[in-house]
Amino acid sequence: MHSNEILALGLGIEPPWRLVDQRLDTEASPHVLHLTVAADRGAAFARRHPRIRPAAAP
């Protein structure tokens, strides 16, 4: 099993989402884990839960 698949399994990432890249920045304090998550074009998504707000753009 590929490391991205193992991490996605641990994080509970399920289709249509997929983990395409991961990078641990050990030079930052505290360490920072960067994840790239994607979905195929045209994928169907569930409706947003009313209590979940989108994250602010960086």
Protein backbone atom coordinates (compact mmCIF):
# COMPACT_ATOMS: atom_id res chain seq x y z
CA MET A 1 0.00 0.00 0.00
CA HIS A 2 1.33 3.46 -0.96
CA SER A 3 2.05 5.93 1.87
CA ASN A 4 -0.62 8.36 0.56
CA GLU A 5 -3.19 5.55 0.73
CA ILE A 6 -2.20 4.69 4.31
CA LEU A 7 -2.42 8.32 5.44
CA ALA A 8 -5.75 8.83 3.63
CA LEU A 9 -7.12 5.74 5.38
CA GLY A 10 -5.99 7.09 8.76
CA LEU A 11 -7.51 10.52 8.07
CA GLY A 12 -10.78 9.05 6.79
CA ILE A 13 -10.46 10.59 3.31
CA GLU A 14 -12.98 8.82 1.07
CA PRO A 15 -14.02 9.11 -2.59
CA PRO A 16 -14.58 11.37 -4.39
CA TRP A 17 -11.65 12.86 -2.42
CA ARG A 18 -8.13 11.47 -2.76
CA LEU A 19 -4.82 12.40 -1.16
CA VAL A 20 -2.36 13.23 -3.95
CA ASP A 21 0.61 14.61 -2.01
CA GLN A 22 1.98 15.02 1.48
CA ARG A 23 4.98 16.89 2.82
CA LEU A 24 6.23 17.30 6.38
CA ASP A 25 8.05 20.58 6.98
CA THR A 26 10.46 19.77 9.82
CA GLU A 27 12.19 23.15 9.57
CA ALA A 28 9.07 24.91 10.87
CA SER A 29 8.45 24.98 14.60
CA PRO A 30 6.13 23.33 15.35
CA HIS A 31 6.39 20.94 12.38
CA VAL A 32 3.80 21.46 9.61
CA LEU A 33 2.16 18.70 7.57
CA HIS A 34 1.10 19.88 4.09
CA LEU A 35 -1.57 17.79 2.36
CA THR A 36 -2.84 18.09 -1.20
CA VAL A 37 -6.34 16.68 -1.63
CA ALA A 38 -8.10 16.45 -5.00
CA ALA A 39 -11.18 15.02 -6.68
CA ASP A 40 -11.83 13.99 -10.25
CA ARG A 41 -13.49 16.55 -12.51
CA GLY A 42 -17.25 16.04 -12.48
CA ALA A 43 -17.26 14.15 -9.17
CA ALA A 44 -20.49 14.34 -7.16
CA PHE A 45 -20.28 15.77 -3.64
CA ALA A 46 -22.61 15.54 -0.68
CA ARG A 47 -24.34 18.71 0.45
CA ARG A 48 -22.46 20.78 3.01
CA HIS A 49 -23.43 20.21 6.62
CA PRO A 50 -25.06 23.40 8.00
CA ARG A 51 -22.73 23.56 11.04
CA ILE A 52 -19.51 23.22 9.03
CA ARG A 53 -18.04 26.48 7.75
CA PRO A 54 -15.42 26.55 4.97
CA ALA A 55 -11.87 27.32 6.06
CA ALA A 56 -10.55 30.82 5.45
CA ALA A 57 -8.26 31.21 2.45
CA PRO A 58 -4.56 31.55 3.36
